[in-house]
Amino acid sequence: MPKVLVSDSIDQVGIDILSQVAQVDVKTNLSPEELTQIIPEYDALMIRSGTRVTTSVIEAGSQLKIIGRAGVGVDNVDVPAATRRGILVVNSPEGNTIAAAEHAVAMMLSLSRYIPDANLSVKAGKWDRKSFTGVEVYKKTLGIVGLGKIGSHVANIARAMGMRLLAYDPYLSMERAEQLGCQLVEMDFLLREADYITLHMPKTPETYHLINAEAFDKMKPTARIVNCARGGIIDEAALVEALKQGKIAGAAIDVYEQEPLQEDSTLRSVDKELILTPHLGASTEEAQVNVAIDVAEQIRDVLLGLPARSAVNIPGLRPDVMEKLRPYLQLAETLGNLVSQLAGGRIEDFNIRLQGDLATNESQPIVIAALKGLLSHALQERVNYVNASIEAKERGIHVVETRDATIKDYTGSLLLKATGPLGTHSVTGALLGDNEIRITSIDDFPINVPPNRYMLFTLHRDMPGIIGKIGSLLGSFNVNIASMQVGRKIIRGDAVMVLSLDDPIPEGILNEITKEPGIRDAYTVTLPE
């Protein structure tokens, strides 16, 4: 039975889901050394923000198949290292959307009305109303940096409160921004115009210290900023200076460059204008249940051999794309495995052409599936959808992707061509009926055969007696033929014969086959069951 390590506290419902398919060990507050020491025992790791999954942990996780982060951000996971090892990294991009958005809005309102300070004042026995005169958000301008799921929900709430909305998101279309009631603008314009700024983006090299001293200099002195996204997007030292010098009116921070927030952090020295909360964006009962269920289900599915919904290191394989393209992914993988064996050994060039209606679909998932098939014969379990592209790049395989929607032999078909030690070979395939895979050409010779566990391909002269000779030769080696088909372009010209066999071909039989007059070459292929 697989083993799953849960190294941060998660809701019991997640543990119950994992227990359906695996032995679950809950061990929290592990030191990096302790985690590295025990991780070789486990097939899956489920974490929140407390555990740091470093390169050392990943290298030690010899059995790890998946790392699940019960939340959105995965900056505490070395995703490139996991990808290189073929370990899936999943998160819960929607499980805490509402919680994080509501916390950002609550922080904005708390800033506006000095709620935390007023609370402490009253509890201290005071009745000081004049010191806590606030401002309204109604008709104020809110600048939203990042219009993903959380930022979009903030936009909906803010619009309902009568705010004017500006947004900066380099990956969003103007049409989508307008649907959310936002004016899409450049970052400089947003900084200068906004009365409130709220951040909703991942921490990346591009967003690190995005809000720095220069940014604060551009803001209104009445501006207030909220960060419930990731620590490090705001330069904390610059923020402290901006508040102390009155460059901005206030800030509310839920996330920090180092967590827990250090005791000597200068953020603690700012009084009235700064609200600090201990990373509470996802800390609602509902969100904790949602992310636990979401990630636990994905880990369960992967351990059962099913795809994950929210993998962060498989480009293009979104759940909706997976569902639509699933049959074609299997087609691509099968054809990739087949052409790899025909070309033999080290592949130099690999061409992928999407044809017919398939040419109008997203190509990246199909390319990844084809690469997985291409490399799987040599690398076996070491290659998967996570690391196929990296493995191909490291082996110097030149990958070219093309499309041709004019080819209408089938509704949608896929052509793969590979160059290796045995020359350049191509294979085309399509889906028929109930998504049944068919090989429709080999080296441009038309055929129509389903893939089989054991197959024999020959290139020969189309002449009487060839088929009988091959059949007799296979029979002499006790190899049973399940089906046979010949593909040719002209009568008595070159032809390809495809034999589906019930048995593997014994060593040495290819040499005997190629000795037969008229047979120019022969290849054996073994496909996964």
Protein backbone atom coordinates (compact mmCIF):
# COMPACT_ATOMS: atom_id res chain seq x y z
CA MET A 1 0.00 0.00 0.00
CA PRO A 2 1.31 3.50 -0.84
CA LYS A 3 2.41 5.74 2.02
CA VAL A 4 1.54 9.44 2.37
CA LEU A 5 3.28 11.83 4.75
CA VAL A 6 1.27 14.82 6.00
CA SER A 7 3.84 17.23 7.45
CA ASP A 8 1.56 20.19 8.27
CA SER A 9 -1.79 20.32 10.04
CA ILE A 10 -4.70 19.76 7.64
CA ASP A 11 -8.39 19.18 8.17
CA GLN A 12 -9.31 15.61 9.10
CA VAL A 13 -11.45 15.27 5.99
CA GLY A 14 -8.28 15.32 3.87
CA ILE A 15 -6.69 12.57 5.92
CA ASP A 16 -9.86 10.49 5.58
CA ILE A 17 -9.73 10.80 1.79
CA LEU A 18 -6.06 9.79 1.65
CA SER A 19 -6.74 6.83 3.93
CA GLN A 20 -8.96 5.33 1.23
CA VAL A 21 -5.92 4.37 -0.82
CA ALA A 22 -2.83 4.77 1.36
CA GLN A 23 -1.25 4.53 4.78
CA VAL A 24 -1.24 8.09 6.12
CA ASP A 25 1.35 9.31 8.62
CA VAL A 26 0.82 12.75 10.18
CA LYS A 27 4.16 14.14 11.40
CA THR A 28 4.22 17.90 11.87
CA ASN A 29 6.95 20.32 12.94
CA LEU A 30 9.69 18.24 11.33
CA SER A 31 13.09 19.84 10.95
CA PRO A 32 14.55 19.88 7.41
CA GLU A 33 16.96 17.13 8.48
CA GLU A 34 14.18 14.97 9.90
CA LEU A 35 12.06 15.39 6.77
CA THR A 36 14.98 14.50 4.51
CA GLN A 37 15.71 11.42 6.61
CA ILE A 38 12.19 9.92 6.48
CA ILE A 39 10.97 11.04 3.04
CA PRO A 40 12.43 8.00 1.19
CA GLU A 41 9.64 5.89 2.75
CA TYR A 42 6.82 7.87 1.12
CA ASP A 43 5.03 7.96 -2.22
CA ALA A 44 3.34 11.30 -1.57
CA LEU A 45 3.82 14.39 0.60
CA MET A 46 1.03 16.74 1.66
CA ILE A 47 1.97 20.13 3.07
CA ARG A 48 0.72 23.63 3.82
CA SER A 49 2.94 26.69 4.18
CA GLY A 50 4.97 25.45 7.15
CA THR A 51 7.03 22.77 5.39
CA ARG A 52 9.85 23.75 3.02
CA VAL A 53 10.38 21.11 0.35
CA THR A 54 13.97 21.77 -0.71
CA THR A 55 16.14 20.17 -3.35
CA SER A 56 17.64 17.94 -0.64
CA VAL A 57 14.20 16.66 0.35
CA ILE A 58 13.26 16.02 -3.28
CA GLU A 59 16.54 14.24 -4.05
CA ALA A 60 16.01 12.02 -0.99
CA GLY A 61 12.41 11.22 -1.97
CA SER A 62 13.27 8.26 -4.15
CA GLN A 63 9.65 7.02 -4.18
CA LEU A 64 7.90 10.40 -4.32
CA LYS A 65 5.29 10.70 -7.04
CA ILE A 66 3.44 13.80 -5.92
CA ILE A 67 3.73 16.78 -3.57
CA GLY A 68 0.42 18.38 -2.64
CA ARG A 69 0.25 21.94 -1.28
CA ALA A 70 -3.04 22.57 0.55
CA GLY A 71 -3.28 26.18 -0.61
CA VAL A 72 -2.38 28.33 -3.60
CA GLY A 73 1.27 29.38 -3.32
CA VAL A 74 4.00 26.81 -3.92
CA ASP A 75 6.99 29.06 -3.23
CA ASN A 76 7.92 26.74 -0.33
CA VAL A 77 8.46 23.91 -2.85
CA ASP A 78 11.45 23.67 -5.19
CA VAL A 79 9.23 23.10 -8.21
CA PRO A 80 12.07 22.94 -10.80
CA ALA A 81 13.83 20.24 -8.76
CA ALA A 82 10.59 18.28 -8.46
CA THR A 83 9.93 18.64 -12.18
CA ARG A 84 13.39 17.37 -13.04
CA ARG A 85 12.73 14.27 -10.93
CA GLY A 86 9.32 13.73 -12.50
CA ILE A 87 7.47 14.52 -9.26
CA LEU A 88 4.07 16.11 -9.70
CA VAL A 89 3.39 19.29 -7.70
CA VAL A 90 -0.27 20.17 -7.17
CA ASN A 91 -2.04 22.93 -5.30
CA SER A 92 -5.57 24.15 -4.62
CA PRO A 93 -5.94 27.28 -6.71
CA GLU A 94 -9.60 27.82 -5.86
CA GLY A 95 -10.04 26.31 -2.39
CA ASN A 96 -9.24 29.51 -0.50
CA THR A 97 -10.26 32.07 -3.13
CA ILE A 98 -13.18 33.47 -1.17
CA ALA A 99 -11.28 33.48 2.14
CA ALA A 100 -8.29 35.34 0.72
CA ALA A 101 -10.43 37.87 -1.15
CA GLU A 102 -12.58 38.58 1.90
CA HIS A 103 -9.49 39.02 4.08
CA ALA A 104 -8.06 41.57 1.63
CA VAL A 105 -11.31 43.53 1.70
CA ALA A 106 -11.47 43.29 5.51
CA MET A 107 -7.93 44.65 5.71
CA MET A 108 -8.83 47.54 3.41
CA LEU A 109 -11.86 48.46 5.52
CA SER A 110 -9.90 48.08 8.75
CA LEU A 111 -7.31 50.51 7.38
CA SER A 112 -10.00 52.98 6.40
CA ARG A 113 -11.71 53.02 9.81
CA TYR A 114 -8.76 52.30 12.15
CA ILE A 115 -10.66 49.32 13.54
CA PRO A 116 -7.72 47.47 15.21
CA ASP A 117 -6.44 50.62 16.96
CA ALA A 118 -9.93 51.73 18.01
CA ASN A 119 -10.57 48.30 19.46
CA LEU A 120 -7.41 48.41 21.56
CA SER A 121 -8.23 51.95 22.68
CA VAL A 122 -11.67 51.05 23.98
CA LYS A 123 -10.37 47.91 25.69
CA ALA A 124 -7.78 50.10 27.41
CA GLY A 125 -10.61 52.12 28.97
CA LYS A 126 -10.51 55.11 26.61
CA TRP A 127 -13.25 56.78 24.59
CA ASP A 128 -11.21 58.64 21.98
CA ARG A 129 -13.39 59.14 18.92
CA LYS A 130 -11.43 62.05 17.38
CA SER A 131 -8.24 60.00 16.91
CA PHE A 132 -10.04 57.44 14.77
CA THR A 133 -11.83 59.51 12.15
CA GLY A 134 -11.69 57.34 9.05
CA VAL A 135 -12.37 57.61 5.34
CA GLU A 136 -14.97 56.00 3.11
CA VAL A 137 -14.13 53.61 0.29
CA TYR A 138 -17.21 54.66 -1.66
CA LYS A 139 -16.22 56.36 -4.95
CA LYS A 140 -12.54 55.82 -4.16
CA THR A 141 -10.21 54.27 -6.75
CA LEU A 142 -9.00 50.72 -6.05
CA GLY A 143 -5.97 49.47 -7.95
CA ILE A 144 -5.93 45.68 -8.23
CA VAL A 145 -2.56 44.22 -9.18
CA GLY A 146 -3.30 40.73 -10.51
CA LEU A 147 -6.80 39.83 -11.75
CA GLY A 148 -6.73 36.10 -11.17
CA LYS A 149 -9.40 34.26 -9.21
CA ILE A 150 -8.78 36.13 -5.95
CA GLY A 151 -8.26 39.52 -7.56
CA SER A 152 -11.42 39.04 -9.62
CA HIS A 153 -13.48 38.29 -6.51
CA VAL A 154 -12.06 41.38 -4.81
CA ALA A 155 -13.11 43.36 -7.89
CA ASN A 156 -16.68 42.07 -7.60
CA ILE A 157 -16.90 43.05 -3.93
CA ALA A 158 -15.29 46.46 -4.47
CA ARG A 159 -17.57 47.24 -7.40
CA ALA A 160 -20.57 46.45 -5.18
CA MET A 161 -19.21 48.96 -2.65
CA GLY A 162 -19.17 51.68 -5.30
CA MET A 163 -15.44 51.84 -5.94
CA ARG A 164 -13.78 52.77 -9.23
CA LEU A 165 -11.57 49.90 -10.36
CA LEU A 166 -8.16 50.01 -12.06
CA ALA A 167 -6.23 46.83 -12.76
CA TYR A 168 -2.75 45.83 -13.82
CA ASP A 169 -2.28 42.32 -15.18
CA PRO A 170 0.06 41.74 -18.15
CA TYR A 171 -1.57 38.36 -18.88
CA LEU A 172 -5.18 39.50 -18.99
CA SER A 173 -7.15 40.67 -22.00
CA MET A 174 -8.88 44.02 -22.13
CA GLU A 175 -12.20 42.21 -22.67
CA ARG A 176 -11.87 40.15 -19.48
CA ALA A 177 -10.95 43.22 -17.44
CA GLU A 178 -13.99 45.07 -18.76
CA GLN A 179 -16.22 42.12 -17.83
CA LEU A 180 -15.01 42.58 -14.25
CA GLY A 181 -15.70 46.30 -14.36
CA CYS A 182 -11.98 47.17 -14.36
CA GLN A 183 -9.99 49.58 -16.48
CA LEU A 184 -6.80 47.79 -17.53
CA VAL A 185 -3.85 50.19 -17.13
CA GLU A 186 -0.08 50.23 -16.87
CA MET A 187 1.51 49.81 -13.44
CA ASP A 188 2.78 53.40 -13.22
CA PHE A 189 -0.68 54.79 -13.91
CA LEU A 190 -2.22 52.55 -11.25
CA LEU A 191 0.35 53.59 -8.65
CA ARG A 192 -0.28 57.28 -9.27
CA GLU A 193 -4.08 57.14 -9.45
CA ALA A 194 -5.17 54.57 -6.85
CA ASP A 195 -6.47 55.49 -3.41
CA TYR A 196 -6.16 51.84 -2.42
CA ILE A 197 -3.88 49.15 -3.89
CA THR A 198 -4.35 45.44 -3.30
CA LEU A 199 -1.87 42.79 -4.50
CA HIS A 200 -2.92 39.40 -5.86
CA MET A 201 -0.04 37.74 -7.68
CA PRO A 202 2.51 34.96 -7.09
CA LYS A 203 6.01 35.67 -5.87
CA THR A 204 8.35 35.32 -8.85
CA PRO A 205 11.68 36.90 -9.85
CA GLU A 206 9.60 39.47 -11.78
CA THR A 207 7.32 40.35 -8.84
CA TYR A 208 9.92 40.29 -6.06
CA HIS A 209 10.02 43.79 -4.51
CA LEU A 210 7.65 45.01 -7.20
CA ILE A 211 6.46 47.56 -4.65
CA ASN A 212 9.70 49.28 -3.68
CA ALA A 213 10.87 52.78 -2.72
CA GLU A 214 10.43 54.01 -6.28
CA ALA A 215 6.86 52.70 -6.33
CA PHE A 216 6.01 54.37 -3.03
CA ASP A 217 7.32 57.67 -4.39
CA LYS A 218 4.71 57.50 -7.16
CA MET A 219 1.74 56.91 -4.85
CA LYS A 220 -0.59 59.52 -3.42
CA PRO A 221 0.14 60.53 0.19
CA THR A 222 -3.43 59.39 0.94
CA ALA A 223 -2.93 55.95 -0.65
CA ARG A 224 -3.28 52.73 1.32
CA ILE A 225 -1.85 49.36 0.25
CA VAL A 226 -2.89 45.78 1.12
CA ASN A 227 -0.82 42.62 0.60
CA CYS A 228 -2.57 39.32 1.22
CA ALA A 229 -0.73 37.60 -1.65
CA ARG A 230 2.88 36.54 -0.99
CA GLY A 231 5.66 37.92 1.14
CA GLY A 232 8.44 39.63 -0.79
CA ILE A 233 6.25 41.44 -3.31
CA ILE A 234 6.58 44.52 -1.09
CA ASP A 235 10.03 45.70 -0.02
CA GLU A 236 9.40 45.76 3.73
CA ALA A 237 12.19 48.21 4.54
CA ALA A 238 10.91 50.61 1.88
CA LEU A 239 7.37 50.24 3.25
CA VAL A 240 8.48 51.20 6.77
CA GLU A 241 10.25 54.30 5.44
CA ALA A 242 7.26 55.28 3.30
CA LEU A 243 4.94 55.07 6.30
CA LYS A 244 7.25 56.93 8.67
CA GLN A 245 7.86 59.70 6.13
CA GLY A 246 4.15 60.02 5.32
CA LYS A 247 4.57 59.05 1.66
CA ILE A 248 1.47 56.86 1.97
CA ALA A 249 -1.40 56.85 4.50
CA GLY A 250 -1.36 53.21 5.54
CA ALA A 251 -0.70 49.55 4.81
CA ALA A 252 -2.18 46.20 5.82
CA ILE A 253 0.11 43.18 5.52
CA ASP A 254 -0.74 39.50 5.94
CA VAL A 255 2.36 37.90 4.37
CA TYR A 256 6.07 38.47 4.94
CA GLU A 257 9.46 37.77 3.43
CA GLN A 258 10.29 35.63 6.46
CA GLU A 259 7.56 33.84 8.36
CA PRO A 260 6.94 33.87 11.24
CA LEU A 261 7.68 37.59 11.29
CA GLN A 262 10.98 38.17 13.07
CA GLU A 263 10.85 39.72 16.52
CA ASP A 264 13.18 42.53 15.49
CA SER A 265 11.35 43.29 12.23
CA THR A 266 11.09 47.04 11.66
CA LEU A 267 7.46 46.48 10.66
CA ARG A 268 6.69 46.09 14.36
CA SER A 269 7.92 49.62 15.02
CA VAL A 270 5.14 51.29 13.00
CA ASP A 271 2.03 52.15 15.01
CA LYS A 272 -1.23 53.57 13.75
CA GLU A 273 -0.74 53.39 9.97
CA LEU A 274 0.10 49.68 9.73
CA ILE A 275 -2.01 46.55 10.31
CA LEU A 276 -0.22 43.20 10.59
CA THR A 277 -1.91 39.79 10.61
CA PRO A 278 -0.16 36.38 10.80
CA HIS A 279 -0.86 34.99 7.30
CA LEU A 280 -4.60 34.57 7.82
CA GLY A 281 -5.71 34.86 4.19
CA ALA A 282 -6.77 31.23 3.97
CA SER A 283 -7.61 30.81 7.65
CA THR A 284 -11.33 30.19 7.55
CA GLU A 285 -13.01 26.95 8.49
CA GLU A 286 -14.49 26.65 5.01
CA ALA A 287 -11.18 27.27 3.22
CA GLN A 288 -9.29 24.73 5.32
CA VAL A 289 -11.86 22.09 4.48
CA ASN A 290 -11.89 23.04 0.79
CA VAL A 291 -8.12 22.93 0.27
CA ALA A 292 -7.77 19.71 2.27
CA ILE A 293 -10.40 17.99 0.13
CA ASP A 294 -9.05 19.38 -3.14
CA VAL A 295 -5.42 18.36 -2.62
CA ALA A 296 -6.18 15.05 -0.90
CA GLU A 297 -8.38 14.03 -3.82
CA GLN A 298 -5.61 14.88 -6.28
CA ILE A 299 -3.05 12.85 -4.33
CA ARG A 300 -5.50 9.95 -4.14
CA ASP A 301 -6.16 10.11 -7.88
CA VAL A 302 -2.46 10.19 -8.79
CA LEU A 303 -1.74 7.19 -6.54
CA LEU A 304 -4.54 5.40 -8.42
CA GLY A 305 -2.93 6.26 -11.76
CA LEU A 306 -5.37 9.06 -12.63
CA PRO A 307 -4.50 12.65 -13.64
CA ALA A 308 -4.42 15.55 -11.18
CA ARG A 309 -6.67 18.57 -11.64
CA SER A 310 -4.27 21.34 -10.67
CA ALA A 311 -0.70 20.38 -11.46
CA VAL A 312 1.56 23.42 -11.39
CA ASN A 313 4.43 21.77 -13.27
CA ILE A 314 2.61 20.27 -16.26
CA PRO A 315 2.11 23.20 -18.66
CA GLY A 316 -1.22 23.27 -20.45
CA LEU A 317 -2.76 20.25 -18.72
CA ARG A 318 -5.68 22.06 -17.10
CA PRO A 319 -8.63 19.88 -16.06
CA ASP A 320 -10.85 21.09 -18.91
CA VAL A 321 -8.07 20.57 -21.46
CA MET A 322 -7.29 17.11 -20.06
CA GLU A 323 -10.90 16.01 -20.34
CA LYS A 324 -11.21 17.21 -23.92
CA LEU A 325 -7.87 15.89 -25.15
CA ARG A 326 -7.55 12.72 -23.05
CA PRO A 327 -8.05 10.29 -26.00
CA TYR A 328 -5.57 12.24 -28.13
CA LEU A 329 -2.99 12.22 -25.32
CA GLN A 330 -3.11 8.42 -25.36
CA LEU A 331 -2.86 8.47 -29.15
CA ALA A 332 0.17 10.77 -29.01
CA GLU A 333 1.89 8.66 -26.37
CA THR A 334 1.30 5.43 -28.30
CA LEU A 335 2.56 6.88 -31.58
CA GLY A 336 5.58 8.41 -29.84
CA ASN A 337 6.53 5.04 -28.38
CA LEU A 338 6.08 3.38 -31.77
CA VAL A 339 8.12 5.84 -33.85
CA SER A 340 10.87 5.85 -31.21
CA GLN A 341 11.40 2.13 -31.72
CA LEU A 342 11.28 2.43 -35.49
CA ALA A 343 13.93 5.18 -35.47
CA GLY A 344 15.97 3.36 -32.84
CA GLY A 345 18.22 4.52 -30.02
CA ARG A 346 19.15 8.16 -29.68
CA ILE A 347 16.61 10.44 -31.36
CA GLU A 348 18.00 13.59 -32.94
CA ASP A 349 14.95 15.26 -34.50
CA PHE A 350 11.29 14.89 -33.59
CA ASN A 351 8.50 16.44 -35.63
CA ILE A 352 4.91 16.62 -34.43
CA ARG A 353 2.12 17.66 -36.79
CA LEU A 354 -1.47 18.16 -35.68
CA GLN A 355 -3.82 17.59 -38.62
CA GLY A 356 -7.46 18.28 -39.42
CA ASP A 357 -9.66 19.41 -36.54
CA LEU A 358 -6.92 18.47 -34.09
CA ALA A 359 -4.88 21.38 -35.46
CA THR A 360 -7.33 23.82 -33.86
CA ASN A 361 -6.77 22.42 -30.34
CA GLU A 362 -4.18 23.34 -27.72
CA SER A 363 -0.99 21.59 -28.81
CA GLN A 364 1.23 21.67 -25.72
CA PRO A 365 -0.44 18.75 -23.90
CA ILE A 366 -0.25 16.64 -27.06
CA VAL A 367 3.41 17.52 -27.56
CA ILE A 368 4.18 16.53 -23.96
CA ALA A 369 2.32 13.22 -24.39
CA ALA A 370 4.20 12.49 -27.62
CA LEU A 371 7.54 13.21 -25.92
CA LYS A 372 6.61 10.94 -23.04
CA GLY A 373 5.89 8.15 -25.51
CA LEU A 374 9.08 8.87 -27.47
CA LEU A 375 11.27 8.57 -24.36
CA SER A 376 9.39 5.92 -22.40
CA HIS A 377 10.87 2.93 -24.23
CA ALA A 378 14.36 3.94 -23.12
CA LEU A 379 13.65 5.65 -19.79
CA GLN A 380 10.71 3.52 -18.57
CA GLU A 381 9.25 4.92 -15.33
CA ARG A 382 11.78 7.78 -15.22
CA VAL A 383 9.79 9.80 -17.75
CA ASN A 384 6.28 11.15 -17.25
CA TYR A 385 4.14 14.14 -18.17
CA VAL A 386 6.04 16.25 -15.65
CA ASN A 387 9.59 15.85 -16.92
CA ALA A 388 9.19 14.70 -20.54
CA SER A 389 10.05 18.12 -22.00
CA ILE A 390 13.10 18.50 -19.76
CA GLU A 391 14.34 14.98 -20.57
CA ALA A 392 13.99 15.68 -24.31
CA LYS A 393 15.85 18.98 -24.03
CA GLU A 394 18.69 17.47 -22.00
CA ARG A 395 19.12 14.76 -24.65
CA GLY A 396 19.44 17.37 -27.38
CA ILE A 397 16.30 16.31 -29.22
CA HIS A 398 15.24 18.99 -31.68
CA VAL A 399 11.45 19.21 -31.40
CA VAL A 400 9.38 20.89 -34.11
CA GLU A 401 5.61 21.33 -33.89
CA THR A 402 3.45 22.15 -36.92
CA ARG A 403 -0.25 22.23 -37.78
CA ASP A 404 -2.19 21.49 -40.96
CA ALA A 405 -5.96 21.88 -40.70
CA THR A 406 -6.39 21.14 -44.42
CA ILE A 407 -5.66 17.41 -44.05
CA LYS A 408 -9.10 15.83 -43.68
CA ASP A 409 -8.46 12.08 -44.07
CA TYR A 410 -9.87 11.77 -40.55
CA THR A 411 -11.63 14.22 -38.24
CA GLY A 412 -8.33 14.77 -36.49
CA SER A 413 -5.03 12.96 -36.87
CA LEU A 414 -1.48 13.18 -35.58
CA LEU A 415 1.75 12.63 -37.52
CA LEU A 416 5.03 12.00 -35.71
CA LYS A 417 8.41 11.80 -37.44
CA ALA A 418 11.66 10.86 -35.73
CA THR A 419 15.27 10.63 -36.87
CA GLY A 420 17.57 8.18 -35.12
CA PRO A 421 20.26 5.53 -35.75
CA LEU A 422 17.82 3.49 -37.88
CA GLY A 423 16.99 6.45 -40.09
CA THR A 424 13.97 8.74 -40.35
CA HIS A 425 10.57 7.16 -39.81
CA SER A 426 7.07 8.55 -39.54
CA VAL A 427 3.81 7.26 -38.16
CA THR A 428 0.32 8.74 -38.37
CA GLY A 429 -2.63 7.86 -36.18
CA ALA A 430 -6.23 8.82 -35.61
CA LEU A 431 -9.19 8.01 -33.37
CA LEU A 432 -12.09 6.01 -34.73
CA GLY A 433 -15.47 5.10 -33.26
CA ASP A 434 -15.36 5.14 -29.47
CA ASN A 435 -11.95 6.83 -29.44
CA GLU A 436 -10.29 3.65 -30.67
CA ILE A 437 -6.69 4.26 -31.73
CA ARG A 438 -5.75 3.42 -35.30
CA ILE A 439 -2.33 3.58 -36.94
CA THR A 440 -3.15 5.06 -40.35
CA SER A 441 0.25 5.24 -42.02
CA ILE A 442 3.83 4.09 -41.59
CA ASP A 443 6.51 6.01 -43.50
CA ASP A 444 3.74 7.49 -45.68
CA PHE A 445 2.40 4.05 -46.61
CA PRO A 446 -1.36 3.94 -45.90
CA ILE A 447 -2.55 1.29 -43.41
CA ASN A 448 -5.35 0.96 -40.87
CA VAL A 449 -4.43 -1.18 -37.87
CA PRO A 450 -4.91 -0.90 -34.11
CA PRO A 451 -1.74 -0.87 -31.98
CA ASN A 452 -0.84 -4.24 -30.50
CA ARG A 453 1.47 -5.36 -27.70
CA TYR A 454 3.85 -7.09 -30.16
CA MET A 455 4.21 -5.85 -33.73
CA LEU A 456 6.46 -6.52 -36.71
CA PHE A 457 6.96 -4.02 -39.53
CA THR A 458 8.67 -4.84 -42.80
CA LEU A 459 9.67 -2.74 -45.79
CA HIS A 460 9.62 -4.97 -48.86
CA ARG A 461 9.04 -5.20 -52.57
CA ASP A 462 5.37 -5.81 -53.36
CA MET A 463 5.71 -9.21 -55.04
CA PRO A 464 4.04 -12.62 -54.83
CA GLY A 465 5.13 -14.95 -52.02
CA ILE A 466 6.44 -12.38 -49.53
CA ILE A 467 3.54 -12.69 -47.10
CA GLY A 468 3.67 -16.49 -47.19
CA LYS A 469 7.42 -16.54 -46.52
CA ILE A 470 7.10 -14.27 -43.47
CA GLY A 471 4.20 -16.32 -42.12
CA SER A 472 6.11 -19.57 -42.50
CA LEU A 473 9.23 -18.12 -40.91
CA LEU A 474 7.31 -16.84 -37.89
CA GLY A 475 5.54 -20.17 -37.60
CA SER A 476 8.87 -21.98 -37.49
CA PHE A 477 9.70 -19.88 -34.41
CA ASN A 478 6.28 -20.65 -32.86
CA VAL A 479 5.14 -17.00 -33.19
CA ASN A 480 1.40 -16.68 -33.82
CA ILE A 481 0.07 -13.93 -36.11
CA ALA A 482 -3.03 -12.11 -34.84
CA SER A 483 -3.53 -9.89 -37.90
CA MET A 484 -1.71 -8.70 -41.00
CA GLN A 485 -2.04 -5.74 -43.33
CA VAL A 486 -0.04 -4.42 -46.27
CA GLY A 487 0.21 -0.77 -47.22
CA ARG A 488 1.40 0.21 -50.70
CA LYS A 489 1.33 3.18 -53.01
CA ILE A 490 1.65 1.41 -56.37
CA ILE A 491 1.29 -2.22 -57.49
CA ARG A 492 4.57 -4.16 -57.28
CA GLY A 493 6.35 -1.12 -55.86
CA ASP A 494 7.61 -0.68 -52.31
CA ALA A 495 5.24 -1.73 -49.53
CA VAL A 496 4.99 -1.91 -45.77
CA MET A 497 3.62 -4.95 -43.99
CA VAL A 498 2.33 -4.69 -40.43
CA LEU A 499 1.91 -7.86 -38.38
CA SER A 500 0.23 -7.93 -34.98
CA LEU A 501 1.59 -10.85 -33.02
CA ASP A 502 0.44 -12.82 -30.00
CA ASP A 503 3.99 -13.56 -28.92
CA PRO A 504 7.25 -11.62 -28.62
CA ILE A 505 9.70 -12.23 -31.45
CA PRO A 506 12.68 -14.39 -30.41
CA GLU A 507 16.16 -12.93 -30.68
CA GLY A 508 17.71 -13.33 -34.11
CA ILE A 509 14.52 -13.66 -36.12
CA LEU A 510 14.93 -10.22 -37.73
CA ASN A 511 18.16 -11.33 -39.34
CA GLU A 512 16.36 -14.33 -40.83
CA ILE A 513 13.52 -12.14 -42.11
CA THR A 514 15.82 -9.63 -43.82
CA LYS A 515 17.61 -12.50 -45.61
CA GLU A 516 14.44 -13.25 -47.55
CA PRO A 517 14.52 -11.95 -51.15
CA GLY A 518 12.55 -8.73 -51.59
CA ILE A 519 12.61 -7.75 -47.92
CA ARG A 520 14.63 -4.59 -47.41
CA ASP A 521 14.21 -4.01 -43.70
CA ALA A 522 12.32 -5.23 -40.65
CA TYR A 523 11.53 -3.72 -37.25
CA THR A 524 10.00 -5.08 -34.10
CA VAL A 525 7.98 -2.96 -31.72
CA THR A 526 6.79 -3.75 -28.20
CA LEU A 527 4.12 -1.43 -26.84
CA PRO A 528 2.94 -1.15 -23.22
CA GLU A 529 -0.01 -3.34 -22.25
